[in-house]
Amino acid sequence: MLETIGGIMGIVITLSGVLFALYKIIKRFENIEESSKHRKEENIVLIKATLAICDGLGQLGANGPVTKCKCDLQEYLIERGE
């Protein structure tokens, strides 16, 4: 009788451990997805700021590397489709 109860308790504890582990894994994937979303938003802001800086420097007459950087960044964005 005790062996049966112990076996049932072992199964219940094992299943609850597996379910808890699955919950933690799912939660981690949700956190990764949210972090990726925020990172993409931050990258968009940084790209816009970089383009604005390059444009401003170009208007001030700082051509050469600034113009090349701006063209390279625009080409990169066109290739990625953004």
N, C-alpha and C. Protein backbone atom coordinates (compact mmCIF):
# COMPACT_ATOMS: atom_id res chain seq x y z
N MET A 1 0.83 -1.19 0.00
CA MET A 1 0.00 0.00 0.00
C MET A 1 0.88 1.25 0.00
N LEU A 2 1.89 1.29 0.86
CA LEU A 2 2.78 2.45 0.92
C LEU A 2 3.59 2.59 -0.35
N GLU A 3 3.94 1.46 -0.95
CA GLU A 3 4.70 1.51 -2.20
C GLU A 3 3.86 2.13 -3.31
N THR A 4 2.58 1.80 -3.34
CA THR A 4 1.69 2.35 -4.35
C THR A 4 1.53 3.85 -4.17
N ILE A 5 1.32 4.28 -2.93
CA ILE A 5 1.17 5.71 -2.64
C ILE A 5 2.47 6.44 -2.97
N GLY A 6 3.60 5.86 -2.60
CA GLY A 6 4.89 6.47 -2.91
C GLY A 6 5.13 6.56 -4.41
N GLY A 7 4.74 5.53 -5.13
CA GLY A 7 4.88 5.55 -6.59
C GLY A 7 4.02 6.62 -7.24
N ILE A 8 2.79 6.73 -6.77
CA ILE A 8 1.87 7.75 -7.30
C ILE A 8 2.41 9.14 -6.99
N MET A 9 2.89 9.34 -5.76
CA MET A 9 3.44 10.64 -5.39
C MET A 9 4.68 10.96 -6.23
N GLY A 10 5.49 9.97 -6.50
CA GLY A 10 6.67 10.17 -7.34
C GLY A 10 6.30 10.60 -8.75
N ILE A 11 5.27 9.95 -9.29
CA ILE A 11 4.81 10.31 -10.63
C ILE A 11 4.25 11.73 -10.65
N VAL A 12 3.46 12.07 -9.64
CA VAL A 12 2.87 13.41 -9.56
C VAL A 12 3.97 14.47 -9.43
N ILE A 13 4.95 14.22 -8.60
CA ILE A 13 6.04 15.18 -8.40
C ILE A 13 6.85 15.32 -9.69
N THR A 14 7.12 14.22 -10.35
CA THR A 14 7.88 14.27 -11.60
C THR A 14 7.12 15.05 -12.67
N LEU A 15 5.83 14.77 -12.81
CA LEU A 15 5.02 15.49 -13.80
C LEU A 15 4.93 16.98 -13.49
N SER A 16 4.79 17.31 -12.22
CA SER A 16 4.73 18.73 -11.87
C SER A 16 6.07 19.41 -12.15
N GLY A 17 7.18 18.71 -11.94
CA GLY A 17 8.49 19.26 -12.27
C GLY A 17 8.65 19.49 -13.76
N VAL A 18 8.18 18.56 -14.56
CA VAL A 18 8.25 18.69 -16.02
C VAL A 18 7.39 19.86 -16.48
N LEU A 19 6.19 19.97 -15.93
CA LEU A 19 5.30 21.08 -16.30
C LEU A 19 5.90 22.43 -15.91
N PHE A 20 6.51 22.48 -14.74
CA PHE A 20 7.15 23.73 -14.29
C PHE A 20 8.31 24.08 -15.22
N ALA A 21 9.10 23.09 -15.62
CA ALA A 21 10.22 23.34 -16.53
C ALA A 21 9.72 23.85 -17.88
N LEU A 22 8.64 23.27 -18.39
CA LEU A 22 8.05 23.75 -19.65
C LEU A 22 7.56 25.18 -19.52
N TYR A 23 6.95 25.51 -18.39
CA TYR A 23 6.49 26.87 -18.15
C TYR A 23 7.66 27.84 -18.18
N LYS A 24 8.76 27.49 -17.53
CA LYS A 24 9.94 28.36 -17.49
C LYS A 24 10.53 28.54 -18.89
N ILE A 25 10.55 27.48 -19.69
CA ILE A 25 11.08 27.57 -21.04
C ILE A 25 10.21 28.49 -21.90
N ILE A 26 8.91 28.33 -21.80
CA ILE A 26 7.99 29.18 -22.57
C ILE A 26 8.14 30.63 -22.14
N LYS A 27 8.25 30.87 -20.86
CA LYS A 27 8.42 32.23 -20.34
C LYS A 27 9.72 32.85 -20.86
N ARG A 28 10.79 32.05 -20.92
CA ARG A 28 12.07 32.56 -21.41
C ARG A 28 11.96 32.95 -22.88
N PHE A 29 11.27 32.14 -23.70
CA PHE A 29 11.09 32.47 -25.11
C PHE A 29 10.28 33.76 -25.28
N GLU A 30 9.27 33.95 -24.43
CA GLU A 30 8.49 35.19 -24.49
C GLU A 30 9.37 36.39 -24.17
N ASN A 31 10.24 36.25 -23.18
CA ASN A 31 11.15 37.35 -22.82
C ASN A 31 12.12 37.65 -23.95
N ILE A 32 12.61 36.61 -24.62
CA ILE A 32 13.53 36.80 -25.74
C ILE A 32 12.83 37.53 -26.89
N GLU A 33 11.60 37.16 -27.18
CA GLU A 33 10.84 37.82 -28.25
C GLU A 33 10.61 39.29 -27.93
N GLU A 34 10.26 39.60 -26.69
CA GLU A 34 10.03 40.98 -26.30
C GLU A 34 11.32 41.79 -26.36
N SER A 35 12.41 41.18 -25.92
CA SER A 35 13.71 41.85 -25.98
C SER A 35 14.10 42.14 -27.42
N SER A 36 13.83 41.20 -28.31
CA SER A 36 14.13 41.38 -29.73
C SER A 36 13.30 42.53 -30.31
N LYS A 37 12.06 42.63 -29.91
CA LYS A 37 11.18 43.70 -30.38
C LYS A 37 11.72 45.05 -29.95
N HIS A 38 12.13 45.17 -28.69
CA HIS A 38 12.67 46.43 -28.18
C HIS A 38 13.99 46.77 -28.88
N ARG A 39 14.81 45.77 -29.12
CA ARG A 39 16.09 45.99 -29.79
C ARG A 39 15.87 46.52 -31.21
N LYS A 40 14.86 46.00 -31.91
CA LYS A 40 14.56 46.46 -33.26
C LYS A 40 14.13 47.92 -33.22
N GLU A 41 13.28 48.28 -32.26
CA GLU A 41 12.83 49.67 -32.13
C GLU A 41 14.01 50.59 -31.85
N GLU A 42 14.94 50.16 -30.99
CA GLU A 42 16.12 50.96 -30.68
C GLU A 42 16.99 51.12 -31.91
N ASN A 43 17.14 50.06 -32.70
CA ASN A 43 17.96 50.14 -33.91
C ASN A 43 17.36 51.13 -34.90
N ILE A 44 16.05 51.17 -35.02
CA ILE A 44 15.40 52.12 -35.93
C ILE A 44 15.70 53.55 -35.49
N VAL A 45 15.61 53.82 -34.20
CA VAL A 45 15.91 55.16 -33.70
C VAL A 45 17.37 55.52 -33.95
N LEU A 46 18.28 54.58 -33.72
CA LEU A 46 19.70 54.85 -33.95
C LEU A 46 20.01 55.10 -35.42
N ILE A 47 19.37 54.34 -36.31
CA ILE A 47 19.59 54.54 -37.74
C ILE A 47 19.08 55.91 -38.17
N LYS A 48 17.90 56.29 -37.70
CA LYS A 48 17.36 57.61 -38.04
C LYS A 48 18.27 58.72 -37.52
N ALA A 49 18.78 58.55 -36.30
CA ALA A 49 19.68 59.56 -35.73
C ALA A 49 20.97 59.65 -36.52
N THR A 50 21.51 58.51 -36.93
CA THR A 50 22.74 58.51 -37.72
C THR A 50 22.54 59.19 -39.07
N LEU A 51 21.41 58.91 -39.72
CA LEU A 51 21.13 59.58 -40.99
C LEU A 51 20.97 61.08 -40.80
N ALA A 52 20.32 61.50 -39.72
CA ALA A 52 20.16 62.93 -39.45
C ALA A 52 21.51 63.59 -39.19
N ILE A 53 22.37 62.91 -38.45
CA ILE A 53 23.70 63.45 -38.18
C ILE A 53 24.49 63.59 -39.47
N CYS A 54 24.46 62.56 -40.31
CA CYS A 54 25.17 62.61 -41.59
C CYS A 54 24.64 63.73 -42.47
N ASP A 55 23.32 63.89 -42.48
CA ASP A 55 22.71 64.95 -43.27
C ASP A 55 23.15 66.32 -42.75
N GLY A 56 23.12 66.50 -41.45
CA GLY A 56 23.54 67.78 -40.85
C GLY A 56 25.00 68.09 -41.12
N LEU A 57 25.85 67.08 -41.01
CA LEU A 57 27.27 67.30 -41.30
C LEU A 57 27.48 67.63 -42.77
N GLY A 58 26.69 66.99 -43.64
CA GLY A 58 26.78 67.29 -45.07
C GLY A 58 26.38 68.73 -45.36
N GLN A 59 25.35 69.22 -44.67
CA GLN A 59 24.91 70.61 -44.85
C GLN A 59 25.95 71.60 -44.35
N LEU A 60 26.75 71.18 -43.36
CA LEU A 60 27.81 72.04 -42.85
C LEU A 60 29.06 72.00 -43.72
N GLY A 61 29.05 71.13 -44.72
CA GLY A 61 30.17 71.08 -45.64
C GLY A 61 31.16 69.97 -45.35
N ALA A 62 30.85 69.12 -44.40
CA ALA A 62 31.75 68.00 -44.07
C ALA A 62 31.44 66.84 -45.01
N ASN A 63 31.92 66.95 -46.22
CA ASN A 63 31.66 65.92 -47.22
C ASN A 63 32.74 64.86 -47.14
N GLY A 64 32.79 64.01 -48.11
CA GLY A 64 33.80 62.95 -48.12
C GLY A 64 33.30 61.74 -47.36
N PRO A 65 33.96 61.42 -46.23
CA PRO A 65 33.56 60.23 -45.47
C PRO A 65 32.11 60.28 -44.96
N VAL A 66 31.62 61.49 -44.67
CA VAL A 66 30.24 61.62 -44.19
C VAL A 66 29.27 61.22 -45.29
N THR A 67 29.50 61.71 -46.49
CA THR A 67 28.63 61.38 -47.62
C THR A 67 28.70 59.89 -47.93
N LYS A 68 29.91 59.33 -47.89
CA LYS A 68 30.08 57.90 -48.14
C LYS A 68 29.34 57.07 -47.08
N CYS A 69 29.46 57.47 -45.83
CA CYS A 69 28.78 56.75 -44.74
C CYS A 69 27.27 56.80 -44.94
N LYS A 70 26.76 57.97 -45.29
CA LYS A 70 25.31 58.11 -45.50
C LYS A 70 24.85 57.24 -46.67
N CYS A 71 25.61 57.25 -47.77
CA CYS A 71 25.25 56.43 -48.93
C CYS A 71 25.31 54.94 -48.59
N ASP A 72 26.35 54.54 -47.86
CA ASP A 72 26.48 53.14 -47.46
C ASP A 72 25.32 52.70 -46.58
N LEU A 73 24.93 53.57 -45.64
CA LEU A 73 23.82 53.24 -44.76
C LEU A 73 22.51 53.15 -45.53
N GLN A 74 22.31 54.05 -46.47
CA GLN A 74 21.09 54.01 -47.28
C GLN A 74 21.05 52.74 -48.14
N GLU A 75 22.18 52.37 -48.74
CA GLU A 75 22.24 51.15 -49.53
C GLU A 75 21.95 49.92 -48.67
N TYR A 76 22.50 49.91 -47.47
CA TYR A 76 22.26 48.79 -46.55
C TYR A 76 20.77 48.67 -46.23
N LEU A 77 20.13 49.81 -45.96
CA LEU A 77 18.70 49.79 -45.64
C LEU A 77 17.87 49.33 -46.83
N ILE A 78 18.26 49.75 -48.03
CA ILE A 78 17.53 49.34 -49.24
C ILE A 78 17.67 47.83 -49.44
N GLU A 79 18.87 47.30 -49.21
CA GLU A 79 19.09 45.86 -49.37
C GLU A 79 18.26 45.06 -48.38
N ARG A 80 18.13 45.58 -47.15
CA ARG A 80 17.35 44.87 -46.14
C ARG A 80 15.86 45.05 -46.34
N GLY A 81 15.46 46.06 -47.10
CA GLY A 81 14.05 46.28 -47.39
C GLY A 81 13.33 47.08 -46.34
N GLU A 82 14.05 47.94 -45.65
CA GLU A 82 13.41 48.79 -44.63
C GLU A 82 13.31 50.21 -45.09
